[in-house]
C-alpha atoms as a PDB file:
ATOM      1  CA  PHE A   1      -1.445  11.240  12.288  1.00  0.00           C
ATOM      2  CA  GLN A   2      -3.344  14.257  12.479  1.00  0.00           C
ATOM      3  CA  PHE A   3      -1.987  15.647   8.979  1.00  0.00           C
ATOM      4  CA  CYS A   4      -3.278  12.581   7.304  1.00  0.00           C
ATOM      5  CA  SER A   5      -6.713  12.273   9.656  1.00  0.00           C
ATOM      6  CA  THR A   6      -7.304  15.881   8.252  1.00  0.00           C
ATOM      7  CA  ARG A   7      -6.649  15.254   4.411  1.00  0.00           C
ATOM      8  CA  HIS A   8      -8.358  11.984   4.491  1.00  0.00           C
ATOM      9  CA  GLU A   9     -11.328  14.098   4.497  1.00  0.00           C
ATOM     10  CA  LEU A  10     -10.205  17.040   1.948  1.00  0.00           C
ATOM     11  CA  GLY A  11      -8.500  15.123  -0.748  1.00  0.00           C
ATOM     12  CA  SER A  12      -6.038  12.159  -1.885  1.00  0.00           C
ATOM     13  CA  ILE A  13      -3.122  11.219  -0.403  1.00  0.00           C
ATOM     14  CA  ILE A  14      -0.254   9.735  -2.842  1.00  0.00           C
ATOM     15  CA  LEU A  15       2.458   7.693  -0.279  1.00  0.00           C
ATOM     16  CA  THR A  16       5.359   5.439  -1.445  1.00  0.00           C
ATOM     17  CA  THR A  17       7.133   2.825   1.510  1.00  0.00           C
ATOM     18  CA  ASN A  18       9.536   0.250   1.365  1.00  0.00           C
ATOM     19  CA  LEU A  19       7.869  -1.331   4.775  1.00  0.00           C
ATOM     20  CA  ASP A  20       4.821  -3.525   4.730  1.00  0.00           C
ATOM     21  CA  PHE A  21       2.274  -2.456   7.039  1.00  0.00           C
ATOM     22  CA  ASP A  22       3.142  -4.498   9.727  1.00  0.00           C
ATOM     23  CA  LYS A  23       6.616  -3.040  10.423  1.00  0.00           C
ATOM     24  CA  TRP A  24       4.927   0.434  10.777  1.00  0.00           C
ATOM     25  CA  PRO A  25       4.450   0.169  14.349  1.00  0.00           C
ATOM     26  CA  ASP A  26       7.797  -0.349  14.862  1.00  0.00           C
ATOM     27  CA  VAL A  27       8.546   3.513  13.047  1.00  0.00           C
ATOM     28  CA  PHE A  28       5.771   5.017  14.553  1.00  0.00           C
ATOM     29  CA  GLY A  29       5.818   3.654  18.518  1.00  0.00           C
ATOM     30  CA  ASP A  30       2.381   3.418  19.220  1.00  0.00           C
ATOM     31  CA  ALA A  31       0.268   0.515  17.579  1.00  0.00           C
ATOM     32  CA  ARG A  32      -3.041   1.786  18.069  1.00  0.00           C
ATOM     33  CA  MET A  33      -2.569   4.823  16.462  1.00  0.00           C
ATOM     34  CA  THR A  34      -0.731   3.417  13.630  1.00  0.00           C
ATOM     35  CA  GLU A  35      -3.631   1.047  13.196  1.00  0.00           C
ATOM     36  CA  ALA A  36      -5.946   4.069  12.959  1.00  0.00           C
ATOM     37  CA  LEU A  37      -3.660   5.575  10.601  1.00  0.00           C
ATOM     38  CA  ILE A  38      -3.193   2.671   8.014  1.00  0.00           C
ATOM     39  CA  ASP A  39      -6.900   2.293   8.471  1.00  0.00           C
ATOM     40  CA  ARG A  40      -7.355   6.190   7.184  1.00  0.00           C
ATOM     41  CA  LEU A  41      -4.420   5.514   4.498  1.00  0.00           C
ATOM     42  CA  THR A  42      -6.287   2.604   3.165  1.00  0.00           C
ATOM     43  CA  HIS A  43      -9.800   3.533   3.336  1.00  0.00           C
ATOM     44  CA  ARG A  44     -11.154   3.665  -0.264  1.00  0.00           C
ATOM     45  CA  ALA A  45      -7.336   3.302  -1.573  1.00  0.00           C
ATOM     46  CA  ASP A  46      -5.815   1.915  -4.398  1.00  0.00           C
ATOM     47  CA  ILE A  47      -2.798   0.347  -3.346  1.00  0.00           C
ATOM     48  CA  HIS A  48       0.126  -0.922  -5.809  1.00  0.00           C
ATOM     49  CA  VAL A  49       2.764  -3.481  -4.625  1.00  0.00           C
ATOM     50  CA  MET A  50       6.001  -3.360  -6.631  1.00  0.00           C
ATOM     51  CA  ASN A  51       7.916  -6.050  -6.260  1.00  0.00           C
ATOM     52  CA  GLY A  52      11.322  -6.638  -8.235  1.00  0.00           C
ATOM     53  CA  GLU A  53      14.852  -5.110  -8.374  1.00  0.00           C
ATOM     54  CA  SER A  54      14.849  -1.378  -8.282  1.00  0.00           C
ATOM     55  CA  TYR A  55      15.522   0.654 -11.619  1.00  0.00           C
ATOM     56  CA  ARG A  56      17.845   2.954  -9.404  1.00  0.00           C
ATOM     57  CA  PHE A  57      20.058  -0.174  -8.025  1.00  0.00           C
ATOM     58  CA  ARG A  58      20.144  -1.347 -11.609  1.00  0.00           C
ATOM     59  CA  GLN A  59      21.261   1.933 -12.914  1.00  0.00           C
ATOM     60  CA  THR A  60      24.048   1.916 -10.274  1.00  0.00           C
ATOM     61  CA  LEU A  61      25.593  -1.834 -11.081  1.00  0.00           C
ATOM     62  CA  GLU A  62      25.659  -0.322 -14.649  1.00  0.00           C
ATOM     63  CA  LEU A  63      27.665   2.293 -13.763  1.00  0.00           C
ATOM     64  CA  ARG A  64      29.817   0.692 -11.973  1.00  0.00           C
ATOM     65  CA  LYS A  65      30.456  -2.216 -14.513  1.00  0.00           C
ATOM     66  CA  ARG A  66      31.325   1.038 -16.839  1.00  0.00           C
ATOM     67  CA  VAL A  67      33.907   2.374 -14.425  1.00  0.00           C
ATOM     68  CA  ALA A  68      35.795  -0.917 -13.890  1.00  0.00           C
ATOM     69  CA  LYS A  69      36.135  -1.131 -17.515  1.00  0.00           C
ATOM     70  CA  GLU A  70      37.164   2.560 -17.838  1.00  0.00           C
ATOM     71  CA  ASN A  71      39.622   1.354 -15.071  1.00  0.00           C
END
């Protein structure tokens, strides 16, 4: 929290996650601190929600298909 709070005042933060904000308290343990963290991170933020299949997952499936054909 302290790092993000300090950084929030100095410049940009780029953060990626696969968890929705409502799951963050489960990770950080303290709901109030998590709420404050989310507040700072989302203040003046551009949030990009990306849905769909992961390109890594797609590559893994393609690799498995190639290996299966070779065997």
